[in-house]
């Protein structure tokens, strides 16, 4: 299961609803990327969602 190491974002669950109103299960997965972050000079590989990645780049 995809999970962000910073914010803890996990997949969301719901239904696809067709034109005839038939509901089938579906899943929205977060956009997880592997990034290397240098913390106190040491490289550390994290699984980070793109929202957190944008925040890290901003700071």
PDB file of N, CA and C in Angstrom:
ATOM      1  N   UNK A   1       0.835  -1.171   0.000  1.00  0.00           N
ATOM      2  CA  UNK A   1       0.000   0.000   0.000  1.00  0.00           C
ATOM      3  C   UNK A   1       0.886   1.243   0.000  1.00  0.00           C
ATOM      4  N   UNK A   2       0.544   2.196  -0.849  1.00  0.00           N
ATOM      5  CA  UNK A   2       1.301   3.432  -0.945  1.00  0.00           C
ATOM      6  C   UNK A   2       0.958   4.345   0.225  1.00  0.00           C
ATOM      7  N   UNK A   3       1.993   4.841   0.910  1.00  0.00           N
ATOM      8  CA  UNK A   3       1.786   5.731   2.046  1.00  0.00           C
ATOM      9  C   UNK A   3       2.913   6.746   2.084  1.00  0.00           C
ATOM     10  N   UNK A   4       2.561   7.999   2.254  1.00  0.00           N
ATOM     11  CA  UNK A   4       3.550   9.067   2.345  1.00  0.00           C
ATOM     12  C   UNK A   4       4.232   9.006   3.707  1.00  0.00           C
ATOM     13  N   UNK A   5       5.571   9.075   3.725  1.00  0.00           N
ATOM     14  CA  UNK A   5       6.325   9.019   4.972  1.00  0.00           C
ATOM     15  C   UNK A   5       6.214  10.314   5.779  1.00  0.00           C
ATOM     16  N   UNK A   6       5.824  11.405   5.146  1.00  0.00           N
ATOM     17  CA  UNK A   6       5.761  12.687   5.846  1.00  0.00           C
ATOM     18  C   UNK A   6       4.354  12.956   6.390  1.00  0.00           C
ATOM     19  N   UNK A   7       3.344  12.940   5.517  1.00  0.00           N
ATOM     20  CA  UNK A   7       1.995  13.289   5.974  1.00  0.00           C
ATOM     21  C   UNK A   7       1.124  12.072   6.251  1.00  0.00           C
ATOM     22  N   UNK A   8       1.551  10.881   5.821  1.00  0.00           N
ATOM     23  CA  UNK A   8       0.781   9.677   6.093  1.00  0.00           C
ATOM     24  C   UNK A   8      -0.404   9.466   5.164  1.00  0.00           C
ATOM     25  N   UNK A   9      -0.414  10.166   4.031  1.00  0.00           N
ATOM     26  CA  UNK A   9      -1.524  10.041   3.089  1.00  0.00           C
ATOM     27  C   UNK A   9      -1.577   8.621   2.520  1.00  0.00           C
ATOM     28  N   UNK A  10      -2.770   8.008   2.539  1.00  0.00           N
ATOM     29  CA  UNK A  10      -2.990   6.651   2.050  1.00  0.00           C
ATOM     30  C   UNK A  10      -4.091   6.670   0.996  1.00  0.00           C
ATOM     31  N   UNK A  11      -4.314   5.550   0.287  1.00  0.00           N
ATOM     32  CA  UNK A  11      -5.371   5.524  -0.722  1.00  0.00           C
ATOM     33  C   UNK A  11      -6.759   5.801  -0.139  1.00  0.00           C
ATOM     34  N   UNK A  12      -7.595   6.464  -0.953  1.00  0.00           N
ATOM     35  CA  UNK A  12      -8.991   6.721  -0.594  1.00  0.00           C
ATOM     36  C   UNK A  12      -9.864   5.739  -1.345  1.00  0.00           C
ATOM     37  N   UNK A  13     -11.004   5.392  -0.775  1.00  0.00           N
ATOM     38  CA  UNK A  13     -11.900   4.432  -1.391  1.00  0.00           C
ATOM     39  C   UNK A  13     -13.243   5.072  -1.661  1.00  0.00           C
ATOM     40  N   UNK A  14     -13.903   4.573  -2.708  1.00  0.00           N
ATOM     41  CA  UNK A  14     -15.215   5.096  -3.061  1.00  0.00           C
ATOM     42  C   UNK A  14     -15.833   4.256  -4.154  1.00  0.00           C
ATOM     43  N   UNK A  15     -16.698   4.878  -4.954  1.00  0.00           N
ATOM     44  CA  UNK A  15     -17.401   4.169  -6.021  1.00  0.00           C
ATOM     45  C   UNK A  15     -17.244   4.899  -7.344  1.00  0.00           C
ATOM     46  N   UNK A  16     -17.098   4.121  -8.432  1.00  0.00           N
ATOM     47  CA  UNK A  16     -17.349   4.635  -9.770  1.00  0.00           C
ATOM     48  C   UNK A  16     -18.849   4.570  -9.957  1.00  0.00           C
ATOM     49  N   UNK A  17     -19.442   5.626 -10.448  1.00  0.00           N
ATOM     50  CA  UNK A  17     -20.880   5.628 -10.689  1.00  0.00           C
ATOM     51  C   UNK A  17     -21.102   5.824 -12.180  1.00  0.00           C
ATOM     52  N   UNK A  18     -21.710   4.826 -12.828  1.00  0.00           N
ATOM     53  CA  UNK A  18     -21.938   4.879 -14.265  1.00  0.00           C
ATOM     54  C   UNK A  18     -23.190   5.693 -14.583  1.00  0.00           C
ATOM     55  N   UNK A  19     -23.444   5.880 -15.872  1.00  0.00           N
ATOM     56  CA  UNK A  19     -24.625   6.618 -16.330  1.00  0.00           C
ATOM     57  C   UNK A  19     -25.903   5.926 -15.865  1.00  0.00           C
ATOM     58  N   UNK A  20     -25.875   4.586 -15.779  1.00  0.00           N
ATOM     59  CA  UNK A  20     -27.050   3.833 -15.312  1.00  0.00           C
ATOM     60  C   UNK A  20     -27.088   3.708 -13.789  1.00  0.00           C
ATOM     61  N   UNK A  21     -26.204   4.456 -13.106  1.00  0.00           N
ATOM     62  CA  UNK A  21     -26.142   4.520 -11.638  1.00  0.00           C
ATOM     63  C   UNK A  21     -25.697   3.199 -10.996  1.00  0.00           C
ATOM     64  N   UNK A  22     -24.932   2.378 -11.740  1.00  0.00           N
ATOM     65  CA  UNK A  22     -24.341   1.166 -11.172  1.00  0.00           C
ATOM     66  C   UNK A  22     -23.055   1.587 -10.453  1.00  0.00           C
ATOM     67  N   UNK A  23     -22.905   1.137  -9.223  1.00  0.00           N
ATOM     68  CA  UNK A  23     -21.741   1.540  -8.433  1.00  0.00           C
ATOM     69  C   UNK A  23     -20.752   0.382  -8.323  1.00  0.00           C
ATOM     70  N   UNK A  24     -19.509   0.634  -8.720  1.00  0.00           N
ATOM     71  CA  UNK A  24     -18.440  -0.348  -8.590  1.00  0.00           C
ATOM     72  C   UNK A  24     -17.349   0.269  -7.728  1.00  0.00           C
ATOM     73  N   UNK A  25     -16.657  -0.577  -6.971  1.00  0.00           N
ATOM     74  CA  UNK A  25     -15.624  -0.082  -6.066  1.00  0.00           C
ATOM     75  C   UNK A  25     -14.430   0.442  -6.852  1.00  0.00           C
ATOM     76  N   UNK A  26     -13.824   1.486  -6.326  1.00  0.00           N
ATOM     77  CA  UNK A  26     -12.593   2.016  -6.902  1.00  0.00           C
ATOM     78  C   UNK A  26     -11.736   2.619  -5.821  1.00  0.00           C
ATOM     79  N   UNK A  27     -10.529   3.019  -6.213  1.00  0.00           N
ATOM     80  CA  UNK A  27      -9.531   3.477  -5.257  1.00  0.00           C
ATOM     81  C   UNK A  27      -8.765   4.640  -5.871  1.00  0.00           C
ATOM     82  N   UNK A  28      -8.544   5.698  -5.094  1.00  0.00           N
ATOM     83  CA  UNK A  28      -7.712   6.817  -5.514  1.00  0.00           C
ATOM     84  C   UNK A  28      -6.401   6.709  -4.766  1.00  0.00           C
ATOM     85  N   UNK A  29      -5.307   6.530  -5.508  1.00  0.00           N
ATOM     86  CA  UNK A  29      -3.997   6.361  -4.873  1.00  0.00           C
ATOM     87  C   UNK A  29      -3.241   7.687  -4.885  1.00  0.00           C
ATOM     88  N   UNK A  30      -2.496   7.985  -3.805  1.00  0.00           N
ATOM     89  CA  UNK A  30      -1.680   9.196  -3.795  1.00  0.00           C
ATOM     90  C   UNK A  30      -0.483   9.042  -4.733  1.00  0.00           C
ATOM     91  N   UNK A  31      -0.029  10.150  -5.263  1.00  0.00           N
ATOM     92  CA  UNK A  31       1.109  10.152  -6.184  1.00  0.00           C
ATOM     93  C   UNK A  31       2.395  10.109  -5.351  1.00  0.00           C
ATOM     94  N   UNK A  32       2.930   8.899  -5.140  1.00  0.00           N
ATOM     95  CA  UNK A  32       4.099   8.684  -4.284  1.00  0.00           C
ATOM     96  C   UNK A  32       5.365   8.613  -5.141  1.00  0.00           C
ATOM     97  N   UNK A  33       6.390   9.350  -4.715  1.00  0.00           N
ATOM     98  CA  UNK A  33       7.680   9.365  -5.398  1.00  0.00           C
ATOM     99  C   UNK A  33       8.771   9.011  -4.389  1.00  0.00           C
ATOM    100  N   UNK A  34       9.800   8.293  -4.846  1.00  0.00           N
ATOM    101  CA  UNK A  34      10.968   8.039  -3.997  1.00  0.00           C
ATOM    102  C   UNK A  34      11.942   9.189  -4.176  1.00  0.00           C
ATOM    103  N   UNK A  35      12.306   9.813  -3.076  1.00  0.00           N
ATOM    104  CA  UNK A  35      13.248  10.930  -3.120  1.00  0.00           C
ATOM    105  C   UNK A  35      14.336  10.714  -2.081  1.00  0.00           C
ATOM    106  N   UNK A  36      15.514  11.266  -2.362  1.00  0.00           N
ATOM    107  CA  UNK A  36      16.621  11.224  -1.414  1.00  0.00           C
ATOM    108  C   UNK A  36      16.740  12.597  -0.777  1.00  0.00           C
ATOM    109  N   UNK A  37      16.608  12.625   0.526  1.00  0.00           N
ATOM    110  CA  UNK A  37      16.689  13.876   1.290  1.00  0.00           C
ATOM    111  C   UNK A  37      17.924  13.802   2.177  1.00  0.00           C
ATOM    112  N   UNK A  38      18.695  14.883   2.195  1.00  0.00           N
ATOM    113  CA  UNK A  38      19.880  14.933   3.043  1.00  0.00           C
ATOM    114  C   UNK A  38      19.501  15.555   4.374  1.00  0.00           C
ATOM    115  N   UNK A  39      19.527  14.741   5.424  1.00  0.00           N
ATOM    116  CA  UNK A  39      19.180  15.197   6.765  1.00  0.00           C
ATOM    117  C   UNK A  39      20.439  15.145   7.607  1.00  0.00           C
ATOM    118  N   UNK A  40      20.910  16.330   8.038  1.00  0.00           N
ATOM    119  CA  UNK A  40      22.150  16.474   8.811  1.00  0.00           C
ATOM    120  C   UNK A  40      23.340  15.866   8.084  1.00  0.00           C
ATOM    121  N   UNK A  41      23.368  16.012   6.748  1.00  0.00           N
ATOM    122  CA  UNK A  41      24.475  15.516   5.943  1.00  0.00           C
ATOM    123  C   UNK A  41      24.373  14.063   5.542  1.00  0.00           C
ATOM    124  N   UNK A  42      23.391  13.343   6.049  1.00  0.00           N
ATOM    125  CA  UNK A  42      23.226  11.933   5.718  1.00  0.00           C
ATOM    126  C   UNK A  42      22.085  11.755   4.724  1.00  0.00           C
ATOM    127  N   UNK A  43      22.315  11.008   3.627  1.00  0.00           N
ATOM    128  CA  UNK A  43      21.231  10.770   2.674  1.00  0.00           C
ATOM    129  C   UNK A  43      20.193   9.807   3.245  1.00  0.00           C
ATOM    130  N   UNK A  44      18.936  10.121   2.985  1.00  0.00           N
ATOM    131  CA  UNK A  44      17.842   9.299   3.486  1.00  0.00           C
ATOM    132  C   UNK A  44      16.792   9.187   2.383  1.00  0.00           C
ATOM    133  N   UNK A  45      16.420   7.955   2.004  1.00  0.00           N
ATOM    134  CA  UNK A  45      15.424   7.744   0.963  1.00  0.00           C
ATOM    135  C   UNK A  45      14.046   7.653   1.593  1.00  0.00           C
ATOM    136  N   UNK A  46      13.118   8.464   1.085  1.00  0.00           N
ATOM    137  CA  UNK A  46      11.759   8.505   1.608  1.00  0.00           C
ATOM    138  C   UNK A  46      10.768   8.335   0.477  1.00  0.00           C
ATOM    139  N   UNK A  47       9.586   7.808   0.809  1.00  0.00           N
ATOM    140  CA  UNK A  47       8.463   7.775  -0.120  1.00  0.00           C
ATOM    141  C   UNK A  47       7.593   8.972   0.233  1.00  0.00           C
ATOM    142  N   UNK A  48       7.496   9.928  -0.695  1.00  0.00           N
ATOM    143  CA  UNK A  48       6.838  11.198  -0.409  1.00  0.00           C
ATOM    144  C   UNK A  48       5.787  11.471  -1.475  1.00  0.00           C
ATOM    145  N   UNK A  49       4.610  11.979  -1.048  1.00  0.00           N
ATOM    146  CA  UNK A  49       3.602  12.382  -2.030  1.00  0.00           C
ATOM    147  C   UNK A  49       4.047  13.702  -2.667  1.00  0.00           C
ATOM    148  N   UNK A  50       3.528  13.996  -3.844  1.00  0.00           N
ATOM    149  CA  UNK A  50       3.981  15.175  -4.582  1.00  0.00           C
ATOM    150  C   UNK A  50       3.607  16.472  -3.878  1.00  0.00           C
ATOM    151  N   UNK A  51       2.530  16.468  -3.096  1.00  0.00           N
ATOM    152  CA  UNK A  51       2.156  17.666  -2.339  1.00  0.00           C
ATOM    153  C   UNK A  51       3.235  17.988  -1.308  1.00  0.00           C
ATOM    154  N   UNK A  52       3.730  16.976  -0.608  1.00  0.00           N
ATOM    155  CA  UNK A  52       4.802  17.186   0.383  1.00  0.00           C
ATOM    156  C   UNK A  52       6.112  17.540  -0.317  1.00  0.00           C
ATOM    157  N   UNK A  53       6.345  16.968  -1.488  1.00  0.00           N
ATOM    158  CA  UNK A  53       7.564  17.254  -2.246  1.00  0.00           C
ATOM    159  C   UNK A  53       7.609  18.719  -2.653  1.00  0.00           C
ATOM    160  N   UNK A  54       6.468  19.267  -3.055  1.00  0.00           N
ATOM    161  CA  UNK A  54       6.399  20.686  -3.401  1.00  0.00           C
ATOM    162  C   UNK A  54       6.687  21.562  -2.178  1.00  0.00           C
ATOM    163  N   UNK A  55       6.179  21.150  -1.029  1.00  0.00           N
ATOM    164  CA  UNK A  55       6.422  21.905   0.195  1.00  0.00           C
ATOM    165  C   UNK A  55       7.889  21.852   0.599  1.00  0.00           C
ATOM    166  N   UNK A  56       8.510  20.670   0.428  1.00  0.00           N
ATOM    167  CA  UNK A  56       9.944  20.542   0.742  1.00  0.00           C
ATOM    168  C   UNK A  56      10.783  21.419  -0.173  1.00  0.00           C
ATOM    169  N   UNK A  57      10.434  21.466  -1.467  1.00  0.00           N
ATOM    170  CA  UNK A  57      11.182  22.298  -2.412  1.00  0.00           C
ATOM    171  C   UNK A  57      10.990  23.774  -2.129  1.00  0.00           C
ATOM    172  N   UNK A  58       9.806  24.143  -1.626  1.00  0.00           N
ATOM    173  CA  UNK A  58       9.502  25.540  -1.307  1.00  0.00           C
ATOM    174  C   UNK A  58      10.357  26.019  -0.151  1.00  0.00           C
ATOM    175  N   UNK A  59      10.543  25.154   0.845  1.00  0.00           N
ATOM    176  CA  UNK A  59      11.337  25.532   2.023  1.00  0.00           C
ATOM    177  C   UNK A  59      12.773  25.234   1.719  1.00  0.00           C
TER     178      UNK A  59
END
